[in-house]
Amino acid sequence: MGIKNSVMSNTTEQANNPSHYILLTVAIIIGICGVYLRFLGEAPAFNWISNILLVIGVVIALKAVFTIMK
């Protein structure tokens, strides 16, 4: 039972690592910038850039979430 508690404690420490949450915060900021840029204008360039920013934010957020779950 002692080994199991040690493993659980180690995985909890890894999941609570601040770098994961900093990465999530950065991903959310990038995603929000993409959403705001979408409403900035109707130019095709704004649409392309906003979609790219949104996808980058989603990919980074999913990477952070799956790293926390691992």
PDB file of N, CA and C in Angstrom:
ATOM      1  N   MET A   1       0.823  -1.197   0.000  1.00  0.00           N
ATOM      2  CA  MET A   1       0.000   0.000   0.000  1.00  0.00           C
ATOM      3  C   MET A   1       0.862   1.253   0.000  1.00  0.00           C
ATOM      4  N   GLY A   2       2.043   1.170   0.600  1.00  0.00           N
ATOM      5  CA  GLY A   2       2.932   2.317   0.667  1.00  0.00           C
ATOM      6  C   GLY A   2       3.441   2.719  -0.702  1.00  0.00           C
ATOM      7  N   ILE A   3       3.717   1.734  -1.564  1.00  0.00           N
ATOM      8  CA  ILE A   3       4.208   2.027  -2.907  1.00  0.00           C
ATOM      9  C   ILE A   3       3.110   2.694  -3.726  1.00  0.00           C
ATOM     10  N   LYS A   4       1.893   2.216  -3.573  1.00  0.00           N
ATOM     11  CA  LYS A   4       0.774   2.797  -4.326  1.00  0.00           C
ATOM     12  C   LYS A   4       0.566   4.259  -3.936  1.00  0.00           C
ATOM     13  N   ASN A   5       0.638   4.566  -2.635  1.00  0.00           N
ATOM     14  CA  ASN A   5       0.482   5.957  -2.193  1.00  0.00           C
ATOM     15  C   ASN A   5       1.610   6.830  -2.726  1.00  0.00           C
ATOM     16  N   SER A   6       2.814   6.269  -2.790  1.00  0.00           N
ATOM     17  CA  SER A   6       3.955   7.025  -3.310  1.00  0.00           C
ATOM     18  C   SER A   6       3.763   7.339  -4.786  1.00  0.00           C
ATOM     19  N   VAL A   7       3.265   6.368  -5.550  1.00  0.00           N
ATOM     20  CA  VAL A   7       3.029   6.576  -6.976  1.00  0.00           C
ATOM     21  C   VAL A   7       1.924   7.601  -7.175  1.00  0.00           C
ATOM     22  N   MET A   8       0.846   7.497  -6.406  1.00  0.00           N
ATOM     23  CA  MET A   8      -0.257   8.449  -6.513  1.00  0.00           C
ATOM     24  C   MET A   8       0.202   9.860  -6.155  1.00  0.00           C
ATOM     25  N   SER A   9       1.049   9.978  -5.134  1.00  0.00           N
ATOM     26  CA  SER A   9       1.559  11.281  -4.727  1.00  0.00           C
ATOM     27  C   SER A   9       2.422  11.883  -5.827  1.00  0.00           C
ATOM     28  N   ASN A  10       3.245  11.048  -6.476  1.00  0.00           N
ATOM     29  CA  ASN A  10       4.119  11.521  -7.543  1.00  0.00           C
ATOM     30  C   ASN A  10       3.304  11.987  -8.753  1.00  0.00           C
ATOM     31  N   THR A  11       2.282  11.227  -9.142  1.00  0.00           N
ATOM     32  CA  THR A  11       1.475  11.626 -10.294  1.00  0.00           C
ATOM     33  C   THR A  11       0.655  12.874  -9.982  1.00  0.00           C
ATOM     34  N   THR A  12       0.222  13.031  -8.737  1.00  0.00           N
ATOM     35  CA  THR A  12      -0.511  14.237  -8.348  1.00  0.00           C
ATOM     36  C   THR A  12       0.409  15.450  -8.406  1.00  0.00           C
ATOM     37  N   GLU A  13       1.655  15.275  -7.971  1.00  0.00           N
ATOM     38  CA  GLU A  13       2.616  16.376  -8.059  1.00  0.00           C
ATOM     39  C   GLU A  13       2.849  16.767  -9.508  1.00  0.00           C
ATOM     40  N   GLN A  14       2.981  15.777 -10.377  1.00  0.00           N
ATOM     41  CA  GLN A  14       3.206  16.071 -11.787  1.00  0.00           C
ATOM     42  C   GLN A  14       1.995  16.769 -12.404  1.00  0.00           C
ATOM     43  N   ALA A  15       0.807  16.359 -12.025  1.00  0.00           N
ATOM     44  CA  ALA A  15      -0.404  16.972 -12.571  1.00  0.00           C
ATOM     45  C   ALA A  15      -0.573  18.398 -12.065  1.00  0.00           C
ATOM     46  N   ASN A  16      -0.104  18.687 -10.872  1.00  0.00           N
ATOM     47  CA  ASN A  16      -0.241  20.026 -10.303  1.00  0.00           C
ATOM     48  C   ASN A  16       0.943  20.926 -10.629  1.00  0.00           C
ATOM     49  N   ASN A  17       1.782  20.517 -11.554  1.00  0.00           N
ATOM     50  CA  ASN A  17       2.937  21.308 -11.951  1.00  0.00           C
ATOM     51  C   ASN A  17       2.456  22.630 -12.566  1.00  0.00           C
ATOM     52  N   PRO A  18       2.961  23.759 -12.087  1.00  0.00           N
ATOM     53  CA  PRO A  18       2.499  25.059 -12.596  1.00  0.00           C
ATOM     54  C   PRO A  18       2.739  25.260 -14.094  1.00  0.00           C
ATOM     55  N   SER A  19       3.715  24.588 -14.662  1.00  0.00           N
ATOM     56  CA  SER A  19       3.990  24.777 -16.093  1.00  0.00           C
ATOM     57  C   SER A  19       2.810  24.329 -16.952  1.00  0.00           C
ATOM     58  N   HIS A  20       2.065  23.331 -16.505  1.00  0.00           N
ATOM     59  CA  HIS A  20       0.892  22.890 -17.254  1.00  0.00           C
ATOM     60  C   HIS A  20      -0.160  23.992 -17.300  1.00  0.00           C
ATOM     61  N   TYR A  21      -0.352  24.643 -16.194  1.00  0.00           N
ATOM     62  CA  TYR A  21      -1.391  25.658 -16.111  1.00  0.00           C
ATOM     63  C   TYR A  21      -0.960  26.956 -16.798  1.00  0.00           C
ATOM     64  N   ILE A  22       0.327  27.234 -16.807  1.00  0.00           N
ATOM     65  CA  ILE A  22       0.825  28.373 -17.574  1.00  0.00           C
ATOM     66  C   ILE A  22       0.589  28.117 -19.059  1.00  0.00           C
ATOM     67  N   LEU A  23       0.859  26.888 -19.501  1.00  0.00           N
ATOM     68  CA  LEU A  23       0.624  26.534 -20.902  1.00  0.00           C
ATOM     69  C   LEU A  23      -0.854  26.645 -21.265  1.00  0.00           C
ATOM     70  N   LEU A  24      -1.723  26.221 -20.355  1.00  0.00           N
ATOM     71  CA  LEU A  24      -3.169  26.366 -20.585  1.00  0.00           C
ATOM     72  C   LEU A  24      -3.569  27.836 -20.682  1.00  0.00           C
ATOM     73  N   THR A  25      -3.005  28.670 -19.824  1.00  0.00           N
ATOM     74  CA  THR A  25      -3.311  30.096 -19.856  1.00  0.00           C
ATOM     75  C   THR A  25      -2.872  30.717 -21.176  1.00  0.00           C
ATOM     76  N   VAL A  26      -1.685  30.362 -21.642  1.00  0.00           N
ATOM     77  CA  VAL A  26      -1.198  30.872 -22.927  1.00  0.00           C
ATOM     78  C   VAL A  26      -2.115  30.415 -24.063  1.00  0.00           C
ATOM     79  N   ALA A  27      -2.533  29.159 -24.025  1.00  0.00           N
ATOM     80  CA  ALA A  27      -3.421  28.634 -25.067  1.00  0.00           C
ATOM     81  C   ALA A  27      -4.758  29.373 -25.073  1.00  0.00           C
ATOM     82  N   ILE A  28      -5.279  29.654 -23.900  1.00  0.00           N
ATOM     83  CA  ILE A  28      -6.555  30.366 -23.816  1.00  0.00           C
ATOM     84  C   ILE A  28      -6.414  31.788 -24.345  1.00  0.00           C
ATOM     85  N   ILE A  29      -5.306  32.440 -24.020  1.00  0.00           N
ATOM     86  CA  ILE A  29      -5.080  33.809 -24.509  1.00  0.00           C
ATOM     87  C   ILE A  29      -4.967  33.820 -26.029  1.00  0.00           C
ATOM     88  N   ILE A  30      -4.245  32.846 -26.600  1.00  0.00           N
ATOM     89  CA  ILE A  30      -4.117  32.763 -28.058  1.00  0.00           C
ATOM     90  C   ILE A  30      -5.485  32.522 -28.692  1.00  0.00           C
ATOM     91  N   GLY A  31      -6.267  31.619 -28.109  1.00  0.00           N
ATOM     92  CA  GLY A  31      -7.605  31.334 -28.630  1.00  0.00           C
ATOM     93  C   GLY A  31      -8.524  32.536 -28.565  1.00  0.00           C
ATOM     94  N   ILE A  32      -8.466  33.279 -27.455  1.00  0.00           N
ATOM     95  CA  ILE A  32      -9.304  34.472 -27.319  1.00  0.00           C
ATOM     96  C   ILE A  32      -8.888  35.542 -28.323  1.00  0.00           C
ATOM     97  N   CYS A  33      -7.584  35.673 -28.561  1.00  0.00           N
ATOM     98  CA  CYS A  33      -7.123  36.626 -29.582  1.00  0.00           C
ATOM     99  C   CYS A  33      -7.680  36.243 -30.956  1.00  0.00           C
ATOM    100  N   GLY A  34      -7.727  34.950 -31.239  1.00  0.00           N
ATOM    101  CA  GLY A  34      -8.304  34.501 -32.497  1.00  0.00           C
ATOM    102  C   GLY A  34      -9.778  34.821 -32.609  1.00  0.00           C
ATOM    103  N   VAL A  35     -10.496  34.667 -31.520  1.00  0.00           N
ATOM    104  CA  VAL A  35     -11.931  34.970 -31.529  1.00  0.00           C
ATOM    105  C   VAL A  35     -12.167  36.471 -31.696  1.00  0.00           C
ATOM    106  N   TYR A  36     -11.423  37.296 -30.966  1.00  0.00           N
ATOM    107  CA  TYR A  36     -11.581  38.745 -31.094  1.00  0.00           C
ATOM    108  C   TYR A  36     -11.190  39.227 -32.485  1.00  0.00           C
ATOM    109  N   LEU A  37     -10.154  38.638 -33.054  1.00  0.00           N
ATOM    110  CA  LEU A  37      -9.721  39.038 -34.391  1.00  0.00           C
ATOM    111  C   LEU A  37     -10.788  38.705 -35.431  1.00  0.00           C
ATOM    112  N   ARG A  38     -11.555  37.665 -35.185  1.00  0.00           N
ATOM    113  CA  ARG A  38     -12.623  37.284 -36.107  1.00  0.00           C
ATOM    114  C   ARG A  38     -13.676  38.388 -36.222  1.00  0.00           C
ATOM    115  N   PHE A  39     -13.921  39.106 -35.134  1.00  0.00           N
ATOM    116  CA  PHE A  39     -14.935  40.155 -35.135  1.00  0.00           C
ATOM    117  C   PHE A  39     -14.358  41.520 -35.499  1.00  0.00           C
ATOM    118  N   LEU A  40     -13.074  41.578 -35.815  1.00  0.00           N
ATOM    119  CA  LEU A  40     -12.434  42.852 -36.132  1.00  0.00           C
ATOM    120  C   LEU A  40     -12.869  43.390 -37.487  1.00  0.00           C
ATOM    121  N   GLY A  41     -13.026  42.521 -38.444  1.00  0.00           N
ATOM    122  CA  GLY A  41     -13.438  42.988 -39.760  1.00  0.00           C
ATOM    123  C   GLY A  41     -13.806  41.827 -40.654  1.00  0.00           C
ATOM    124  N   GLU A  42     -14.218  42.179 -41.850  1.00  0.00           N
ATOM    125  CA  GLU A  42     -14.661  41.159 -42.800  1.00  0.00           C
ATOM    126  C   GLU A  42     -13.606  40.821 -43.845  1.00  0.00           C
ATOM    127  N   ALA A  43     -12.409  41.306 -43.678  1.00  0.00           N
ATOM    128  CA  ALA A  43     -11.349  41.035 -44.651  1.00  0.00           C
ATOM    129  C   ALA A  43     -10.963  39.555 -44.586  1.00  0.00           C
ATOM    130  N   PRO A  44     -10.707  38.933 -45.709  1.00  0.00           N
ATOM    131  CA  PRO A  44     -10.307  37.514 -45.713  1.00  0.00           C
ATOM    132  C   PRO A  44      -9.046  37.246 -44.896  1.00  0.00           C
ATOM    133  N   ALA A  45      -8.153  38.227 -44.855  1.00  0.00           N
ATOM    134  CA  ALA A  45      -6.925  38.043 -44.072  1.00  0.00           C
ATOM    135  C   ALA A  45      -7.243  37.899 -42.587  1.00  0.00           C
ATOM    136  N   PHE A  46      -8.182  38.688 -42.090  1.00  0.00           N
ATOM    137  CA  PHE A  46      -8.577  38.585 -40.687  1.00  0.00           C
ATOM    138  C   PHE A  46      -9.177  37.207 -40.393  1.00  0.00           C
ATOM    139  N   ASN A  47      -9.975  36.707 -41.313  1.00  0.00           N
ATOM    140  CA  ASN A  47     -10.585  35.390 -41.115  1.00  0.00           C
ATOM    141  C   ASN A  47      -9.525  34.290 -41.079  1.00  0.00           C
ATOM    142  N   TRP A  48      -8.568  34.346 -42.007  1.00  0.00           N
ATOM    143  CA  TRP A  48      -7.512  33.331 -42.034  1.00  0.00           C
ATOM    144  C   TRP A  48      -6.672  33.375 -40.766  1.00  0.00           C
ATOM    145  N   ILE A  49      -6.256  34.569 -40.386  1.00  0.00           N
ATOM    146  CA  ILE A  49      -5.401  34.705 -39.199  1.00  0.00           C
ATOM    147  C   ILE A  49      -6.157  34.294 -37.949  1.00  0.00           C
ATOM    148  N   SER A  50      -7.432  34.676 -37.846  1.00  0.00           N
ATOM    149  CA  SER A  50      -8.201  34.312 -36.655  1.00  0.00           C
ATOM    150  C   SER A  50      -8.411  32.806 -36.571  1.00  0.00           C
ATOM    151  N   ASN A  51      -8.665  32.164 -37.703  1.00  0.00           N
ATOM    152  CA  ASN A  51      -8.826  30.713 -37.691  1.00  0.00           C
ATOM    153  C   ASN A  51      -7.522  30.010 -37.313  1.00  0.00           C
ATOM    154  N   ILE A  52      -6.411  30.502 -37.828  1.00  0.00           N
ATOM    155  CA  ILE A  52      -5.119  29.898 -37.503  1.00  0.00           C
ATOM    156  C   ILE A  52      -4.810  30.065 -36.017  1.00  0.00           C
ATOM    157  N   LEU A  53      -5.052  31.262 -35.481  1.00  0.00           N
ATOM    158  CA  LEU A  53      -4.815  31.483 -34.052  1.00  0.00           C
ATOM    159  C   LEU A  53      -5.706  30.595 -33.194  1.00  0.00           C
ATOM    160  N   LEU A  54      -6.948  30.455 -33.592  1.00  0.00           N
ATOM    161  CA  LEU A  54      -7.873  29.612 -32.837  1.00  0.00           C
ATOM    162  C   LEU A  54      -7.429  28.153 -32.848  1.00  0.00           C
ATOM    163  N   VAL A  55      -7.004  27.662 -33.991  1.00  0.00           N
ATOM    164  CA  VAL A  55      -6.546  26.275 -34.083  1.00  0.00           C
ATOM    165  C   VAL A  55      -5.275  26.079 -33.264  1.00  0.00           C
ATOM    166  N   ILE A  56      -4.351  27.031 -33.321  1.00  0.00           N
ATOM    167  CA  ILE A  56      -3.123  26.927 -32.522  1.00  0.00           C
ATOM    168  C   ILE A  56      -3.460  26.895 -31.031  1.00  0.00           C
ATOM    169  N   GLY A  57      -4.377  27.745 -30.613  1.00  0.00           N
ATOM    170  CA  GLY A  57      -4.793  27.758 -29.214  1.00  0.00           C
ATOM    171  C   GLY A  57      -5.421  26.445 -28.783  1.00  0.00           C
ATOM    172  N   VAL A  58      -6.254  25.868 -29.639  1.00  0.00           N
ATOM    173  CA  VAL A  58      -6.899  24.587 -29.315  1.00  0.00           C
ATOM    174  C   VAL A  58      -5.871  23.465 -29.228  1.00  0.00           C
ATOM    175  N   VAL A  59      -4.930  23.440 -30.151  1.00  0.00           N
ATOM    176  CA  VAL A  59      -3.909  22.386 -30.140  1.00  0.00           C
ATOM    177  C   VAL A  59      -3.051  22.484 -28.884  1.00  0.00           C
ATOM    178  N   ILE A  60      -2.643  23.686 -28.520  1.00  0.00           N
ATOM    179  CA  ILE A  60      -1.828  23.859 -27.318  1.00  0.00           C
ATOM    180  C   ILE A  60      -2.615  23.471 -26.071  1.00  0.00           C
ATOM    181  N   ALA A  61      -3.891  23.861 -26.017  1.00  0.00           N
ATOM    182  CA  ALA A  61      -4.723  23.518 -24.862  1.00  0.00           C
ATOM    183  C   ALA A  61      -4.915  22.013 -24.747  1.00  0.00           C
ATOM    184  N   LEU A  62      -5.170  21.341 -25.857  1.00  0.00           N
ATOM    185  CA  LEU A  62      -5.329  19.879 -25.810  1.00  0.00           C
ATOM    186  C   LEU A  62      -4.039  19.198 -25.377  1.00  0.00           C
ATOM    187  N   LYS A  63      -2.904  19.698 -25.834  1.00  0.00           N
ATOM    188  CA  LYS A  63      -1.615  19.141 -25.431  1.00  0.00           C
ATOM    189  C   LYS A  63      -1.444  19.269 -23.925  1.00  0.00           C
ATOM    190  N   ALA A  64      -1.782  20.437 -23.372  1.00  0.00           N
ATOM    191  CA  ALA A  64      -1.653  20.650 -21.936  1.00  0.00           C
ATOM    192  C   ALA A  64      -2.597  19.751 -21.153  1.00  0.00           C
ATOM    193  N   VAL A  65      -3.832  19.635 -21.606  1.00  0.00           N
ATOM    194  CA  VAL A  65      -4.812  18.815 -20.898  1.00  0.00           C
ATOM    195  C   VAL A  65      -4.407  17.341 -20.905  1.00  0.00           C
ATOM    196  N   PHE A  66      -3.969  16.842 -22.058  1.00  0.00           N
ATOM    197  CA  PHE A  66      -3.565  15.436 -22.125  1.00  0.00           C
ATOM    198  C   PHE A  66      -2.293  15.186 -21.318  1.00  0.00           C
ATOM    199  N   THR A  67      -1.426  16.173 -21.215  1.00  0.00           N
ATOM    200  CA  THR A  67      -0.237  16.022 -20.383  1.00  0.00           C
ATOM    201  C   THR A  67      -0.627  15.949 -18.911  1.00  0.00           C
ATOM    202  N   ILE A  68      -1.596  16.752 -18.511  1.00  0.00           N
ATOM    203  CA  ILE A  68      -2.077  16.712 -17.120  1.00  0.00           C
ATOM    204  C   ILE A  68      -2.733  15.368 -16.835  1.00  0.00           C
ATOM    205  N   MET A  69      -3.519  14.859 -17.781  1.00  0.00           N
ATOM    206  CA  MET A  69      -4.218  13.592 -17.562  1.00  0.00           C
ATOM    207  C   MET A  69      -3.269  12.402 -17.555  1.00  0.00           C
ATOM    208  N   LYS A  70      -2.142  12.532 -18.221  1.00  0.00           N
ATOM    209  CA  LYS A  70      -1.180  11.428 -18.278  1.00  0.00           C
ATOM    210  C   LYS A  70      -0.526  11.290 -16.948  1.00  0.00           C
TER     211      LYS A  70
END
